[in-house]
Amino acid sequence: MFELMALAAAGVAGGWGYLTSRRFVRQRLRFVDAVKKPVAPVVAGAVAALVAAPVVALLPVVGVGTAVAFGVGIGAGVARGARDTTSPPTL
């Protein structure tokens, strides 16, 4: 039962991280050249996972997997948001 709750929490954390980071990169960082470099999503995801690790260590149900899922979501959102800023707008 607790494993299913932890899996759901990891999915929600990863999805929320993806959506918010993609939106932030598209709206706020669209003119920043550093976000378009290939290392930017890796750095963003690693920093997010490191920041989330102490927080999830205090919670009883979630674990390190949730922090990793959050970091992967942030990294994927940054990568997709940077790709959105370079592609031409669709009508």
PDB file of N, CA and C in Angstrom:
ATOM      1  N   MET A   1       0.823  -1.190   0.000  1.00  0.00           N
ATOM      2  CA  MET A   1       0.000   0.000   0.000  1.00  0.00           C
ATOM      3  C   MET A   1       0.865   1.251   0.000  1.00  0.00           C
ATOM      4  N   PHE A   2       1.901   1.262   0.862  1.00  0.00           N
ATOM      5  CA  PHE A   2       2.768   2.434   0.924  1.00  0.00           C
ATOM      6  C   PHE A   2       3.607   2.575  -0.347  1.00  0.00           C
ATOM      7  N   GLU A   3       3.926   1.434  -0.980  1.00  0.00           N
ATOM      8  CA  GLU A   3       4.696   1.494  -2.217  1.00  0.00           C
ATOM      9  C   GLU A   3       3.893   2.162  -3.320  1.00  0.00           C
ATOM     10  N   LEU A   4       2.603   1.889  -3.360  1.00  0.00           N
ATOM     11  CA  LEU A   4       1.748   2.507  -4.362  1.00  0.00           C
ATOM     12  C   LEU A   4       1.619   4.007  -4.121  1.00  0.00           C
ATOM     13  N   MET A   5       1.540   4.408  -2.868  1.00  0.00           N
ATOM     14  CA  MET A   5       1.484   5.838  -2.542  1.00  0.00           C
ATOM     15  C   MET A   5       2.796   6.522  -2.906  1.00  0.00           C
ATOM     16  N   ALA A   6       3.909   5.858  -2.676  1.00  0.00           N
ATOM     17  CA  ALA A   6       5.218   6.422  -3.026  1.00  0.00           C
ATOM     18  C   ALA A   6       5.362   6.534  -4.538  1.00  0.00           C
ATOM     19  N   LEU A   7       4.887   5.541  -5.266  1.00  0.00           N
ATOM     20  CA  LEU A   7       4.929   5.592  -6.723  1.00  0.00           C
ATOM     21  C   LEU A   7       4.063   6.728  -7.261  1.00  0.00           C
ATOM     22  N   ALA A   8       2.895   6.907  -6.692  1.00  0.00           N
ATOM     23  CA  ALA A   8       2.022   8.012  -7.107  1.00  0.00           C
ATOM     24  C   ALA A   8       2.659   9.365  -6.786  1.00  0.00           C
ATOM     25  N   ALA A   9       3.277   9.476  -5.621  1.00  0.00           N
ATOM     26  CA  ALA A   9       3.948  10.730  -5.262  1.00  0.00           C
ATOM     27  C   ALA A   9       5.104  11.029  -6.207  1.00  0.00           C
ATOM     28  N   ALA A  10       5.853  10.007  -6.593  1.00  0.00           N
ATOM     29  CA  ALA A  10       6.964  10.206  -7.527  1.00  0.00           C
ATOM     30  C   ALA A  10       6.446  10.633  -8.895  1.00  0.00           C
ATOM     31  N   GLY A  11       5.352  10.039  -9.329  1.00  0.00           N
ATOM     32  CA  GLY A  11       4.757  10.427 -10.616  1.00  0.00           C
ATOM     33  C   GLY A  11       4.246  11.847 -10.613  1.00  0.00           C
ATOM     34  N   VAL A  12       3.596  12.230  -9.533  1.00  0.00           N
ATOM     35  CA  VAL A  12       3.089  13.602  -9.424  1.00  0.00           C
ATOM     36  C   VAL A  12       4.241  14.601  -9.361  1.00  0.00           C
ATOM     37  N   ALA A  13       5.278  14.281  -8.607  1.00  0.00           N
ATOM     38  CA  ALA A  13       6.432  15.180  -8.494  1.00  0.00           C
ATOM     39  C   ALA A  13       7.130  15.329  -9.840  1.00  0.00           C
ATOM     40  N   GLY A  14       7.316  14.245 -10.557  1.00  0.00           N
ATOM     41  CA  GLY A  14       7.947  14.301 -11.869  1.00  0.00           C
ATOM     42  C   GLY A  14       7.117  15.068 -12.880  1.00  0.00           C
ATOM     43  N   GLY A  15       5.824  14.819 -12.896  1.00  0.00           N
ATOM     44  CA  GLY A  15       4.934  15.529 -13.823  1.00  0.00           C
ATOM     45  C   GLY A  15       4.843  17.009 -13.524  1.00  0.00           C
ATOM     46  N   TRP A  16       4.733  17.336 -12.241  1.00  0.00           N
ATOM     47  CA  TRP A  16       4.656  18.743 -11.863  1.00  0.00           C
ATOM     48  C   TRP A  16       5.965  19.465 -12.187  1.00  0.00           C
ATOM     49  N   GLY A  17       7.090  18.814 -11.935  1.00  0.00           N
ATOM     50  CA  GLY A  17       8.387  19.401 -12.255  1.00  0.00           C
ATOM     51  C   GLY A  17       8.551  19.631 -13.744  1.00  0.00           C
ATOM     52  N   TYR A  18       8.100  18.669 -14.534  1.00  0.00           N
ATOM     53  CA  TYR A  18       8.182  18.806 -15.990  1.00  0.00           C
ATOM     54  C   TYR A  18       7.350  19.989 -16.485  1.00  0.00           C
ATOM     55  N   LEU A  19       6.105  20.035 -16.055  1.00  0.00           N
ATOM     56  CA  LEU A  19       5.206  21.082 -16.554  1.00  0.00           C
ATOM     57  C   LEU A  19       5.639  22.480 -16.127  1.00  0.00           C
ATOM     58  N   THR A  20       6.026  22.636 -14.881  1.00  0.00           N
ATOM     59  CA  THR A  20       6.400  23.970 -14.421  1.00  0.00           C
ATOM     60  C   THR A  20       7.731  24.429 -15.013  1.00  0.00           C
ATOM     61  N   SER A  21       8.694  23.527 -15.147  1.00  0.00           N
ATOM     62  CA  SER A  21       9.978  23.948 -15.721  1.00  0.00           C
ATOM     63  C   SER A  21       9.846  24.242 -17.206  1.00  0.00           C
ATOM     64  N   ARG A  22       9.052  23.483 -17.914  1.00  0.00           N
ATOM     65  CA  ARG A  22       8.838  23.764 -19.345  1.00  0.00           C
ATOM     66  C   ARG A  22       8.173  25.122 -19.534  1.00  0.00           C
ATOM     67  N   ARG A  23       7.160  25.398 -18.742  1.00  0.00           N
ATOM     68  CA  ARG A  23       6.476  26.689 -18.839  1.00  0.00           C
ATOM     69  C   ARG A  23       7.416  27.842 -18.468  1.00  0.00           C
ATOM     70  N   PHE A  24       8.220  27.652 -17.434  1.00  0.00           N
ATOM     71  CA  PHE A  24       9.144  28.697 -17.008  1.00  0.00           C
ATOM     72  C   PHE A  24      10.187  28.991 -18.080  1.00  0.00           C
ATOM     73  N   VAL A  25      10.727  27.949 -18.688  1.00  0.00           N
ATOM     74  CA  VAL A  25      11.732  28.152 -19.732  1.00  0.00           C
ATOM     75  C   VAL A  25      11.106  28.822 -20.950  1.00  0.00           C
ATOM     76  N   ARG A  26       9.906  28.406 -21.335  1.00  0.00           N
ATOM     77  CA  ARG A  26       9.268  29.015 -22.503  1.00  0.00           C
ATOM     78  C   ARG A  26       8.904  30.464 -22.280  1.00  0.00           C
ATOM     79  N   GLN A  27       8.448  30.827 -21.097  1.00  0.00           N
ATOM     80  CA  GLN A  27       7.981  32.185 -20.865  1.00  0.00           C
ATOM     81  C   GLN A  27       9.080  33.116 -20.390  1.00  0.00           C
ATOM     82  N   ARG A  28       9.921  32.680 -19.473  1.00  0.00           N
ATOM     83  CA  ARG A  28      10.881  33.581 -18.833  1.00  0.00           C
ATOM     84  C   ARG A  28      12.292  33.491 -19.404  1.00  0.00           C
ATOM     85  N   LEU A  29      12.683  32.322 -19.865  1.00  0.00           N
ATOM     86  CA  LEU A  29      14.062  32.143 -20.298  1.00  0.00           C
ATOM     87  C   LEU A  29      14.200  31.997 -21.807  1.00  0.00           C
ATOM     88  N   ARG A  30      13.245  32.455 -22.558  1.00  0.00           N
ATOM     89  CA  ARG A  30      13.290  32.239 -24.004  1.00  0.00           C
ATOM     90  C   ARG A  30      14.410  32.998 -24.691  1.00  0.00           C
ATOM     91  N   PHE A  31      14.899  34.094 -24.104  1.00  0.00           N
ATOM     92  CA  PHE A  31      15.981  34.861 -24.712  1.00  0.00           C
ATOM     93  C   PHE A  31      17.337  34.582 -24.067  1.00  0.00           C
ATOM     94  N   VAL A  32      17.410  33.660 -23.139  1.00  0.00           N
ATOM     95  CA  VAL A  32      18.664  33.321 -22.468  1.00  0.00           C
ATOM     96  C   VAL A  32      19.349  32.213 -23.262  1.00  0.00           C
ATOM     97  N   ASP A  33      20.555  32.488 -23.735  1.00  0.00           N
ATOM     98  CA  ASP A  33      21.267  31.512 -24.560  1.00  0.00           C
ATOM     99  C   ASP A  33      21.764  30.312 -23.766  1.00  0.00           C
ATOM    100  N   ALA A  34      22.047  30.486 -22.489  1.00  0.00           N
ATOM    101  CA  ALA A  34      22.596  29.396 -21.685  1.00  0.00           C
ATOM    102  C   ALA A  34      21.614  28.237 -21.541  1.00  0.00           C
ATOM    103  N   VAL A  35      20.335  28.498 -21.581  1.00  0.00           N
ATOM    104  CA  VAL A  35      19.350  27.423 -21.414  1.00  0.00           C
ATOM    105  C   VAL A  35      19.276  26.542 -22.660  1.00  0.00           C
ATOM    106  N   LYS A  36      19.807  27.022 -23.774  1.00  0.00           N
ATOM    107  CA  LYS A  36      19.771  26.246 -25.015  1.00  0.00           C
ATOM    108  C   LYS A  36      20.975  25.327 -25.172  1.00  0.00           C
ATOM    109  N   LYS A  37      21.924  25.393 -24.246  1.00  0.00           N
ATOM    110  CA  LYS A  37      23.085  24.507 -24.304  1.00  0.00           C
ATOM    111  C   LYS A  37      22.685  23.104 -23.854  1.00  0.00           C
ATOM    112  N   PRO A  38      23.354  22.081 -24.372  1.00  0.00           N
ATOM    113  CA  PRO A  38      22.964  20.698 -24.041  1.00  0.00           C
ATOM    114  C   PRO A  38      23.153  20.319 -22.575  1.00  0.00           C
ATOM    115  N   VAL A  39      24.000  21.027 -21.848  1.00  0.00           N
ATOM    116  CA  VAL A  39      24.253  20.673 -20.462  1.00  0.00           C
ATOM    117  C   VAL A  39      23.221  21.290 -19.506  1.00  0.00           C
ATOM    118  N   ALA A  40      22.452  22.248 -19.964  1.00  0.00           N
ATOM    119  CA  ALA A  40      21.494  22.950 -19.094  1.00  0.00           C
ATOM    120  C   ALA A  40      20.454  22.018 -18.469  1.00  0.00           C
ATOM    121  N   PRO A  41      19.823  21.107 -19.217  1.00  0.00           N
ATOM    122  CA  PRO A  41      18.846  20.210 -18.571  1.00  0.00           C
ATOM    123  C   PRO A  41      19.476  19.280 -17.541  1.00  0.00           C
ATOM    124  N   VAL A  42      20.707  18.844 -17.802  1.00  0.00           N
ATOM    125  CA  VAL A  42      21.390  17.945 -16.861  1.00  0.00           C
ATOM    126  C   VAL A  42      21.678  18.679 -15.553  1.00  0.00           C
ATOM    127  N   VAL A  43      22.173  19.898 -15.675  1.00  0.00           N
ATOM    128  CA  VAL A  43      22.477  20.687 -14.478  1.00  0.00           C
ATOM    129  C   VAL A  43      21.202  21.004 -13.709  1.00  0.00           C
ATOM    130  N   ALA A  44      20.153  21.411 -14.423  1.00  0.00           N
ATOM    131  CA  ALA A  44      18.892  21.747 -13.760  1.00  0.00           C
ATOM    132  C   ALA A  44      18.300  20.532 -13.051  1.00  0.00           C
ATOM    133  N   GLY A  45      18.324  19.376 -13.695  1.00  0.00           N
ATOM    134  CA  GLY A  45      17.788  18.167 -13.081  1.00  0.00           C
ATOM    135  C   GLY A  45      18.595  17.710 -11.876  1.00  0.00           C
ATOM    136  N   ALA A  46      19.926  17.799 -11.978  1.00  0.00           N
ATOM    137  CA  ALA A  46      20.774  17.391 -10.858  1.00  0.00           C
ATOM    138  C   ALA A  46      20.597  18.311  -9.653  1.00  0.00           C
ATOM    139  N   VAL A  47      20.525  19.604  -9.902  1.00  0.00           N
ATOM    140  CA  VAL A  47      20.326  20.557  -8.803  1.00  0.00           C
ATOM    141  C   VAL A  47      18.955  20.348  -8.164  1.00  0.00           C
ATOM    142  N   ALA A  48      17.934  20.126  -8.982  1.00  0.00           N
ATOM    143  CA  ALA A  48      16.595  19.902  -8.436  1.00  0.00           C
ATOM    144  C   ALA A  48      16.545  18.636  -7.587  1.00  0.00           C
ATOM    145  N   ALA A  49      17.201  17.577  -8.040  1.00  0.00           N
ATOM    146  CA  ALA A  49      17.223  16.337  -7.261  1.00  0.00           C
ATOM    147  C   ALA A  49      17.982  16.517  -5.949  1.00  0.00           C
ATOM    148  N   LEU A  50      19.091  17.257  -5.990  1.00  0.00           N
ATOM    149  CA  LEU A  50      19.848  17.499  -4.766  1.00  0.00           C
ATOM    150  C   LEU A  50      19.081  18.368  -3.773  1.00  0.00           C
ATOM    151  N   VAL A  51      18.326  19.325  -4.274  1.00  0.00           N
ATOM    152  CA  VAL A  51      17.530  20.172  -3.385  1.00  0.00           C
ATOM    153  C   VAL A  51      16.352  19.385  -2.813  1.00  0.00           C
ATOM    154  N   ALA A  52      15.771  18.500  -3.607  1.00  0.00           N
ATOM    155  CA  ALA A  52      14.613  17.734  -3.146  1.00  0.00           C
ATOM    156  C   ALA A  52      14.996  16.588  -2.213  1.00  0.00           C
ATOM    157  N   ALA A  53      16.227  16.127  -2.265  1.00  0.00           N
ATOM    158  CA  ALA A  53      16.640  14.968  -1.460  1.00  0.00           C
ATOM    159  C   ALA A  53      16.456  15.180   0.044  1.00  0.00           C
ATOM    160  N   PRO A  54      16.887  16.307   0.632  1.00  0.00           N
ATOM    161  CA  PRO A  54      16.647  16.476   2.073  1.00  0.00           C
ATOM    162  C   PRO A  54      15.170  16.601   2.426  1.00  0.00           C
ATOM    163  N   VAL A  55      14.401  17.152   1.513  1.00  0.00           N
ATOM    164  CA  VAL A  55      12.962  17.313   1.782  1.00  0.00           C
ATOM    165  C   VAL A  55      12.277  15.957   1.825  1.00  0.00           C
ATOM    166  N   VAL A  56      12.567  15.096   0.844  1.00  0.00           N
ATOM    167  CA  VAL A  56      11.909  13.788   0.828  1.00  0.00           C
ATOM    168  C   VAL A  56      12.462  12.864   1.904  1.00  0.00           C
ATOM    169  N   ALA A  57      13.649  13.152   2.414  1.00  0.00           N
ATOM    170  CA  ALA A  57      14.187  12.339   3.505  1.00  0.00           C
ATOM    171  C   ALA A  57      13.384  12.535   4.793  1.00  0.00           C
ATOM    172  N   LEU A  58      12.748  13.678   4.931  1.00  0.00           N
ATOM    173  CA  LEU A  58      11.941  13.955   6.120  1.00  0.00           C
ATOM    174  C   LEU A  58      10.536  13.368   6.046  1.00  0.00           C
ATOM    175  N   LEU A  59      10.070  13.070   4.850  1.00  0.00           N
ATOM    176  CA  LEU A  59       8.712  12.549   4.684  1.00  0.00           C
ATOM    177  C   LEU A  59       8.716  11.031   4.836  1.00  0.00           C
ATOM    178  N   PRO A  60       7.718  10.476   5.503  1.00  0.00           N
ATOM    179  CA  PRO A  60       7.753   9.043   5.798  1.00  0.00           C
ATOM    180  C   PRO A  60       7.449   8.135   4.616  1.00  0.00           C
ATOM    181  N   VAL A  61       6.617   8.558   3.669  1.00  0.00           N
ATOM    182  CA  VAL A  61       6.168   7.656   2.608  1.00  0.00           C
ATOM    183  C   VAL A  61       7.101   7.686   1.410  1.00  0.00           C
ATOM    184  N   VAL A  62       7.536   8.855   1.015  1.00  0.00           N
ATOM    185  CA  VAL A  62       8.350   8.975  -0.194  1.00  0.00           C
ATOM    186  C   VAL A  62       9.821   8.770   0.128  1.00  0.00           C
ATOM    187  N   GLY A  63      10.599   8.504  -0.907  1.00  0.00           N
ATOM    188  CA  GLY A  63      12.017   8.252  -0.698  1.00  0.00           C
ATOM    189  C   GLY A  63      12.869   8.916  -1.753  1.00  0.00           C
ATOM    190  N   VAL A  64      14.017   8.346  -1.980  1.00  0.00           N
ATOM    191  CA  VAL A  64      14.976   8.907  -2.921  1.00  0.00           C
ATOM    192  C   VAL A  64      14.435   8.856  -4.350  1.00  0.00           C
ATOM    193  N   GLY A  65      13.635   7.874  -4.646  1.00  0.00           N
ATOM    194  CA  GLY A  65      13.057   7.766  -5.984  1.00  0.00           C
ATOM    195  C   GLY A  65      12.205   8.958  -6.356  1.00  0.00           C
ATOM    196  N   THR A  66      11.544   9.531  -5.386  1.00  0.00           N
ATOM    197  CA  THR A  66      10.729  10.716  -5.643  1.00  0.00           C
ATOM    198  C   THR A  66      11.611  11.901  -5.997  1.00  0.00           C
ATOM    199  N   ALA A  67      12.717  12.063  -5.306  1.00  0.00           N
ATOM    200  CA  ALA A  67      13.654  13.146  -5.628  1.00  0.00           C
ATOM    201  C   ALA A  67      14.252  12.946  -7.015  1.00  0.00           C
ATOM    202  N   VAL A  68      14.562  11.705  -7.354  1.00  0.00           N
ATOM    203  CA  VAL A  68      15.110  11.416  -8.678  1.00  0.00           C
ATOM    204  C   VAL A  68      14.066  11.680  -9.754  1.00  0.00           C
ATOM    205  N   ALA A  69      12.821  11.276  -9.525  1.00  0.00           N
ATOM    206  CA  ALA A  69      11.757  11.529 -10.492  1.00  0.00           C
ATOM    207  C   ALA A  69      11.524  13.027 -10.674  1.00  0.00           C
ATOM    208  N   PHE A  70      11.613  13.768  -9.588  1.00  0.00           N
ATOM    209  CA  PHE A  70      11.471  15.224  -9.666  1.00  0.00           C
ATOM    210  C   PHE A  70      12.607  15.825 -10.493  1.00  0.00           C
ATOM    211  N   GLY A  71      13.833  15.377 -10.271  1.00  0.00           N
ATOM    212  CA  GLY A  71      14.976  15.866 -11.036  1.00  0.00           C
ATOM    213  C   GLY A  71      14.876  15.521 -12.509  1.00  0.00           C
ATOM    214  N   VAL A  72      14.438  14.311 -12.814  1.00  0.00           N
ATOM    215  CA  VAL A  72      14.257  13.913 -14.213  1.00  0.00           C
ATOM    216  C   VAL A  72      13.165  14.746 -14.867  1.00  0.00           C
ATOM    217  N   GLY A  73      12.086  15.011 -14.139  1.00  0.00           N
ATOM    218  CA  GLY A  73      11.017  15.847 -14.677  1.00  0.00           C
ATOM    219  C   GLY A  73      11.485  17.268 -14.959  1.00  0.00           C
ATOM    220  N   ILE A  74      12.263  17.825 -14.048  1.00  0.00           N
ATOM    221  CA  ILE A  74      12.802  19.169 -14.248  1.00  0.00           C
ATOM    222  C   ILE A  74      13.728  19.185 -15.462  1.00  0.00           C
ATOM    223  N   GLY A  75      14.617  18.220 -15.555  1.00  0.00           N
ATOM    224  CA  GLY A  75      15.544  18.170 -16.684  1.00  0.00           C
ATOM    225  C   GLY A  75      14.830  18.007 -18.015  1.00  0.00           C
ATOM    226  N   ALA A  76      13.837  17.142 -18.056  1.00  0.00           N
ATOM    227  CA  ALA A  76      13.079  16.946 -19.293  1.00  0.00           C
ATOM    228  C   ALA A  76      12.282  18.196 -19.649  1.00  0.00           C
ATOM    229  N   GLY A  77      11.734  18.870 -18.652  1.00  0.00           N
ATOM    230  CA  GLY A  77      10.991  20.101 -18.912  1.00  0.00           C
ATOM    231  C   GLY A  77      11.879  21.214 -19.430  1.00  0.00           C
ATOM    232  N   VAL A  78      13.081  21.329 -18.889  1.00  0.00           N
ATOM    233  CA  VAL A  78      14.022  22.340 -19.373  1.00  0.00           C
ATOM    234  C   VAL A  78      14.427  22.030 -20.809  1.00  0.00           C
ATOM    235  N   ALA A  79      14.687  20.761 -21.100  1.00  0.00           N
ATOM    236  CA  ALA A  79      15.080  20.382 -22.458  1.00  0.00           C
ATOM    237  C   ALA A  79      13.960  20.668 -23.455  1.00  0.00           C
ATOM    238  N   ARG A  80      12.745  20.309 -23.099  1.00  0.00           N
ATOM    239  CA  ARG A  80      11.621  20.534 -24.007  1.00  0.00           C
ATOM    240  C   ARG A  80      11.288  22.013 -24.129  1.00  0.00           C
ATOM    241  N   GLY A  81      11.381  22.755 -23.038  1.00  0.00           N
ATOM    242  CA  GLY A  81      11.129  24.189 -23.089  1.00  0.00           C
ATOM    243  C   GLY A  81      12.148  24.910 -23.942  1.00  0.00           C
ATOM    244  N   ALA A  82      13.413  24.497 -23.871  1.00  0.00           N
ATOM    245  CA  ALA A  82      14.450  25.098 -24.711  1.00  0.00           C
ATOM    246  C   ALA A  82      14.210  24.761 -26.175  1.00  0.00           C
ATOM    247  N   ARG A  83      13.760  23.550 -26.438  1.00  0.00           N
ATOM    248  CA  ARG A  83      13.442  23.173 -27.811  1.00  0.00           C
ATOM    249  C   ARG A  83      12.238  23.943 -28.332  1.00  0.00           C
ATOM    250  N   ASP A  84      11.285  24.248 -27.462  1.00  0.00           N
ATOM    251  CA  ASP A  84      10.117  25.026 -27.862  1.00  0.00           C
ATOM    252  C   ASP A  84      10.493  26.441 -28.255  1.00  0.00           C
ATOM    253  N   THR A  85      11.510  27.013 -27.604  1.00  0.00           N
ATOM    254  CA  THR A  85      11.893  28.385 -27.900  1.00  0.00           C
ATOM    255  C   THR A  85      12.639  28.504 -29.215  1.00  0.00           C
ATOM    256  N   THR A  86      13.273  27.422 -29.695  1.00  0.00           N
ATOM    257  CA  THR A  86      14.013  27.495 -30.945  1.00  0.00           C
ATOM    258  C   THR A  86      13.163  27.137 -32.142  1.00  0.00           C
ATOM    259  N   SER A  87      12.081  26.432 -31.957  1.00  0.00           N
ATOM    260  CA  SER A  87      11.245  26.061 -33.086  1.00  0.00           C
ATOM    261  C   SER A  87      10.336  27.228 -33.467  1.00  0.00           C
ATOM    262  N   PRO A  88       9.960  27.319 -34.729  1.00  0.00           N
ATOM    263  CA  PRO A  88       9.073  28.408 -35.135  1.00  0.00           C
ATOM    264  C   PRO A  88       7.686  28.229 -34.543  1.00  0.00           C
ATOM    265  N   PRO A  89       7.006  29.314 -34.247  1.00  0.00           N
ATOM    266  CA  PRO A  89       5.674  29.196 -33.650  1.00  0.00           C
ATOM    267  C   PRO A  89       4.665  28.608 -34.635  1.00  0.00           C
ATOM    268  N   THR A  90       3.758  27.831 -34.094  1.00  0.00           N
ATOM    269  CA  THR A  90       2.703  27.248 -34.914  1.00  0.00           C
ATOM    270  C   THR A  90       1.435  28.062 -34.769  1.00  0.00           C
ATOM    271  N   LEU A  91       0.688  28.083 -35.824  1.00  0.00           N
ATOM    272  CA  LEU A  91      -0.570  28.854 -35.804  1.00  0.00           C
ATOM    273  C   LEU A  91      -1.752  28.002 -35.550  1.00  0.00           C
TER     274      LEU A  91
END
